[in-house]
Structures are given as C-alpha cells and as structure tokens.
C-alpha cells in the first residue's frame, strides 16, 4: 500500500514569489514555471526522505523546499536539495498550515493546482504527475 495524502485542494490564488534566507543571505524567489513549494520541518522522516531524494522525477516544475526551522542538527546541510529558510508569513501566504506539506502552483495565475501532505518524493511525484505535464 502506497501512502497518499487525502487533502482536497483548496481553491485559491497565492503569491508567485517569496523572500527567503539562503546561507545567511536574503534572496528573492520568483516562479517562472509551475512550482512545487514543499514545506519541511526538522526531525521528520518524510521531510528528510524528500530533501535527500533525487528530485529529477518531479520534471515539469521547479521545486522549492522551504522551512521555518533552523537546521541545528545539520539534517539538510549536505543534502542534494537546498532548503530555504523562510519566515512564518510565507507559510501563511501559501496557506500551509503545518509541514510537511506541498503546494503545486501555476506560475502565471498563482492558482493552487494541487496540494497535500509529504510522505516522500515518490508519493509527491505520483500525486502531482497530472498537474506537472
């Protein structure tokens, strides 16, 4: 049995950019194609799996991994996928109520195409496949 999230996408328009911290420097992140925003947290098995996975299977969209947590334990320091630190208002802007959670966003309209809970990269790939092509 493959785990899947059961969230019904909530119809809404969200920002197509946000500000984040990358290695201590403030950066602007702007969407120029469909973008999968994945909110993760420390000490989370599914989050760790996602950050450490080959995300090439998520073709057809940009993937932006964000967290309000500091990486005190170094879980993400050497990960192949970058985790950007954001402030809580960024999560609120995307109506991400708790990590681990993903939101797939159309870059032109800001429309949320699909969303759900993160169990791992293959599960997110499966749940977003229709919307990424």
C-alpha atoms as a PDB file:
ATOM      1  CA  UNK A   1       0.000   0.000   0.000  1.00  0.00           C
ATOM      2  CA  UNK A   2       1.383   3.388  -1.029  1.00  0.00           C
ATOM      3  CA  UNK A   3       0.739   6.240   1.397  1.00  0.00           C
ATOM      4  CA  UNK A   4      -1.023   9.230  -0.069  1.00  0.00           C
ATOM      5  CA  UNK A   5      -2.355  12.474   1.257  1.00  0.00           C
ATOM      6  CA  UNK A   6      -6.073  12.917   1.278  1.00  0.00           C
ATOM      7  CA  UNK A   7      -6.296  16.692   1.220  1.00  0.00           C
ATOM      8  CA  UNK A   8      -8.728  18.101  -1.308  1.00  0.00           C
ATOM      9  CA  UNK A   9      -7.062  21.105  -2.946  1.00  0.00           C
ATOM     10  CA  UNK A  10      -8.498  24.334  -1.608  1.00  0.00           C
ATOM     11  CA  UNK A  11      -9.350  26.715  -4.453  1.00  0.00           C
ATOM     12  CA  UNK A  12      -7.157  29.782  -4.012  1.00  0.00           C
ATOM     13  CA  UNK A  13      -4.635  32.092  -5.624  1.00  0.00           C
ATOM     14  CA  UNK A  14      -1.282  32.584  -3.875  1.00  0.00           C
ATOM     15  CA  UNK A  15       1.843  34.692  -4.485  1.00  0.00           C
ATOM     16  CA  UNK A  16       4.242  33.621  -7.229  1.00  0.00           C
ATOM     17  CA  UNK A  17       7.287  34.830  -5.309  1.00  0.00           C
ATOM     18  CA  UNK A  18       8.613  34.987  -1.767  1.00  0.00           C
ATOM     19  CA  UNK A  19      11.679  36.050   0.197  1.00  0.00           C
ATOM     20  CA  UNK A  20      13.910  33.507   1.903  1.00  0.00           C
ATOM     21  CA  UNK A  21      17.304  33.035   3.513  1.00  0.00           C
ATOM     22  CA  UNK A  22      19.989  31.093   1.626  1.00  0.00           C
ATOM     23  CA  UNK A  23      23.222  30.518   3.577  1.00  0.00           C
ATOM     24  CA  UNK A  24      22.616  33.650   5.628  1.00  0.00           C
ATOM     25  CA  UNK A  25      21.765  35.863   2.660  1.00  0.00           C
ATOM     26  CA  UNK A  26      18.272  37.173   1.930  1.00  0.00           C
ATOM     27  CA  UNK A  27      17.099  36.176  -1.571  1.00  0.00           C
ATOM     28  CA  UNK A  28      14.005  36.720  -3.700  1.00  0.00           C
ATOM     29  CA  UNK A  29      12.466  33.578  -5.176  1.00  0.00           C
ATOM     30  CA  UNK A  30      10.276  34.152  -8.244  1.00  0.00           C
ATOM     31  CA  UNK A  31       8.362  31.460 -10.138  1.00  0.00           C
ATOM     32  CA  UNK A  32       8.990  31.270 -13.885  1.00  0.00           C
ATOM     33  CA  UNK A  33       7.291  27.899 -14.376  1.00  0.00           C
ATOM     34  CA  UNK A  34       4.921  25.693 -12.405  1.00  0.00           C
ATOM     35  CA  UNK A  35       6.430  25.488  -8.955  1.00  0.00           C
ATOM     36  CA  UNK A  36       6.142  22.901  -6.236  1.00  0.00           C
ATOM     37  CA  UNK A  37       6.631  24.542  -2.845  1.00  0.00           C
ATOM     38  CA  UNK A  38       7.420  21.902  -0.238  1.00  0.00           C
ATOM     39  CA  UNK A  39       7.425  22.929   3.425  1.00  0.00           C
ATOM     40  CA  UNK A  40       9.522  20.653   5.632  1.00  0.00           C
ATOM     41  CA  UNK A  41      10.475  20.552   9.287  1.00  0.00           C
ATOM     42  CA  UNK A  42      13.364  19.152  11.282  1.00  0.00           C
ATOM     43  CA  UNK A  43      13.154  15.661  12.801  1.00  0.00           C
ATOM     44  CA  UNK A  44      10.630  14.473  10.202  1.00  0.00           C
ATOM     45  CA  UNK A  45      11.236  11.181   8.384  1.00  0.00           C
ATOM     46  CA  UNK A  46       9.185  12.097   5.278  1.00  0.00           C
ATOM     47  CA  UNK A  47      10.834  15.517   5.135  1.00  0.00           C
ATOM     48  CA  UNK A  48      14.307  14.011   5.396  1.00  0.00           C
ATOM     49  CA  UNK A  49      13.441  11.491   2.648  1.00  0.00           C
ATOM     50  CA  UNK A  50      12.213  14.271   0.377  1.00  0.00           C
ATOM     51  CA  UNK A  51      15.233  16.540   0.927  1.00  0.00           C
ATOM     52  CA  UNK A  52      17.673  13.649   0.406  1.00  0.00           C
ATOM     53  CA  UNK A  53      15.927  12.209  -2.704  1.00  0.00           C
ATOM     54  CA  UNK A  54      16.671  12.608  -6.388  1.00  0.00           C
ATOM     55  CA  UNK A  55      14.004  15.104  -7.367  1.00  0.00           C
ATOM     56  CA  UNK A  56      14.594  14.645 -11.087  1.00  0.00           C
ATOM     57  CA  UNK A  57      11.430  12.556 -11.057  1.00  0.00           C
ATOM     58  CA  UNK A  58       9.490  15.803 -10.493  1.00  0.00           C
ATOM     59  CA  UNK A  59      10.072  17.042 -14.039  1.00  0.00           C
ATOM     60  CA  UNK A  60       7.803  19.719 -15.425  1.00  0.00           C
ATOM     61  CA  UNK A  61       8.087  22.035 -12.440  1.00  0.00           C
ATOM     62  CA  UNK A  62      10.549  23.878 -10.238  1.00  0.00           C
ATOM     63  CA  UNK A  63      10.859  22.532  -6.704  1.00  0.00           C
ATOM     64  CA  UNK A  64      11.402  24.963  -3.828  1.00  0.00           C
ATOM     65  CA  UNK A  65      11.890  23.395  -0.412  1.00  0.00           C
ATOM     66  CA  UNK A  66      11.253  25.752   2.485  1.00  0.00           C
ATOM     67  CA  UNK A  67      11.305  25.601   6.269  1.00  0.00           C
ATOM     68  CA  UNK A  68      10.768  27.949   9.171  1.00  0.00           C
ATOM     69  CA  UNK A  69      13.120  25.718  11.200  1.00  0.00           C
ATOM     70  CA  UNK A  70      16.814  26.295  11.602  1.00  0.00           C
ATOM     71  CA  UNK A  71      18.894  23.244  10.683  1.00  0.00           C
ATOM     72  CA  UNK A  72      20.548  22.921  14.107  1.00  0.00           C
ATOM     73  CA  UNK A  73      21.151  19.159  13.758  1.00  0.00           C
ATOM     74  CA  UNK A  74      22.625  19.540  10.254  1.00  0.00           C
ATOM     75  CA  UNK A  75      19.995  17.280   8.653  1.00  0.00           C
ATOM     76  CA  UNK A  76      19.946  19.312   5.445  1.00  0.00           C
ATOM     77  CA  UNK A  77      23.489  20.715   5.397  1.00  0.00           C
ATOM     78  CA  UNK A  78      24.859  18.150   2.914  1.00  0.00           C
ATOM     79  CA  UNK A  79      21.567  17.248   1.235  1.00  0.00           C
ATOM     80  CA  UNK A  80      21.417  17.243  -2.567  1.00  0.00           C
ATOM     81  CA  UNK A  81      18.394  19.573  -2.400  1.00  0.00           C
ATOM     82  CA  UNK A  82      18.538  23.051  -0.924  1.00  0.00           C
ATOM     83  CA  UNK A  83      16.225  24.008   1.932  1.00  0.00           C
ATOM     84  CA  UNK A  84      15.478  27.730   2.065  1.00  0.00           C
ATOM     85  CA  UNK A  85      14.623  29.224   5.426  1.00  0.00           C
ATOM     86  CA  UNK A  86      11.516  31.388   5.429  1.00  0.00           C
ATOM     87  CA  UNK A  87       9.544  33.350   7.970  1.00  0.00           C
ATOM     88  CA  UNK A  88       6.109  32.181   9.129  1.00  0.00           C
ATOM     89  CA  UNK A  89       4.240  34.736   6.938  1.00  0.00           C
ATOM     90  CA  UNK A  90       5.492  32.850   3.854  1.00  0.00           C
ATOM     91  CA  UNK A  91       3.768  29.665   5.047  1.00  0.00           C
ATOM     92  CA  UNK A  92       0.638  31.682   5.760  1.00  0.00           C
ATOM     93  CA  UNK A  93       0.704  33.257   2.286  1.00  0.00           C
ATOM     94  CA  UNK A  94       0.531  29.761   0.753  1.00  0.00           C
ATOM     95  CA  UNK A  95      -1.967  28.588   3.384  1.00  0.00           C
ATOM     96  CA  UNK A  96       0.435  25.884   4.522  1.00  0.00           C
ATOM     97  CA  UNK A  97      -0.921  25.176   7.972  1.00  0.00           C
ATOM     98  CA  UNK A  98       1.756  22.699   9.040  1.00  0.00           C
ATOM     99  CA  UNK A  99       4.764  20.995   7.468  1.00  0.00           C
ATOM    100  CA  UNK A 100       5.324  18.569   5.900  1.00  0.00           C
ATOM    101  CA  UNK A 101       3.096  19.891   3.161  1.00  0.00           C
ATOM    102  CA  UNK A 102       3.345  20.657  -0.557  1.00  0.00           C
ATOM    103  CA  UNK A 103       1.559  23.130  -2.830  1.00  0.00           C
ATOM    104  CA  UNK A 104       1.850  23.000  -6.629  1.00  0.00           C
ATOM    105  CA  UNK A 105       1.328  26.492  -8.079  1.00  0.00           C
ATOM    106  CA  UNK A 106       0.714  27.738 -11.602  1.00  0.00           C
ATOM    107  CA  UNK A 107       3.298  30.487 -12.125  1.00  0.00           C
ATOM    108  CA  UNK A 108       1.118  32.575 -14.443  1.00  0.00           C
ATOM    109  CA  UNK A 109      -2.111  32.729 -12.436  1.00  0.00           C
ATOM    110  CA  UNK A 110      -0.927  31.912  -8.914  1.00  0.00           C
ATOM    111  CA  UNK A 111      -3.647  29.241  -8.787  1.00  0.00           C
ATOM    112  CA  UNK A 112      -3.024  26.297  -6.464  1.00  0.00           C
ATOM    113  CA  UNK A 113      -3.304  23.240  -8.710  1.00  0.00           C
ATOM    114  CA  UNK A 114      -2.961  20.568  -6.041  1.00  0.00           C
ATOM    115  CA  UNK A 115      -1.649  20.168  -2.511  1.00  0.00           C
ATOM    116  CA  UNK A 116      -1.103  17.532   0.111  1.00  0.00           C
ATOM    117  CA  UNK A 117       0.944  16.066   2.921  1.00  0.00           C
ATOM    118  CA  UNK A 118       4.527  14.946   2.207  1.00  0.00           C
ATOM    119  CA  UNK A 119       5.427  11.317   2.944  1.00  0.00           C
ATOM    120  CA  UNK A 120       8.328  11.172   0.482  1.00  0.00           C
ATOM    121  CA  UNK A 121       9.446  12.115  -3.012  1.00  0.00           C
ATOM    122  CA  UNK A 122       7.830   9.203  -4.885  1.00  0.00           C
ATOM    123  CA  UNK A 123       4.461   9.869  -3.233  1.00  0.00           C
ATOM    124  CA  UNK A 124       4.600  13.586  -4.132  1.00  0.00           C
ATOM    125  CA  UNK A 125       5.639  12.677  -7.689  1.00  0.00           C
ATOM    126  CA  UNK A 126       2.663  10.347  -8.039  1.00  0.00           C
ATOM    127  CA  UNK A 127       0.154  12.849  -6.598  1.00  0.00           C
ATOM    128  CA  UNK A 128       1.359  15.771  -8.755  1.00  0.00           C
ATOM    129  CA  UNK A 129       2.041  13.909 -12.031  1.00  0.00           C
ATOM    130  CA  UNK A 130      -1.181  15.006 -13.760  1.00  0.00           C
ATOM    131  CA  UNK A 131      -0.567  18.684 -12.921  1.00  0.00           C
ATOM    132  CA  UNK A 132       3.111  18.773 -13.896  1.00  0.00           C
ATOM    133  CA  UNK A 133       2.628  17.653 -17.507  1.00  0.00           C
END
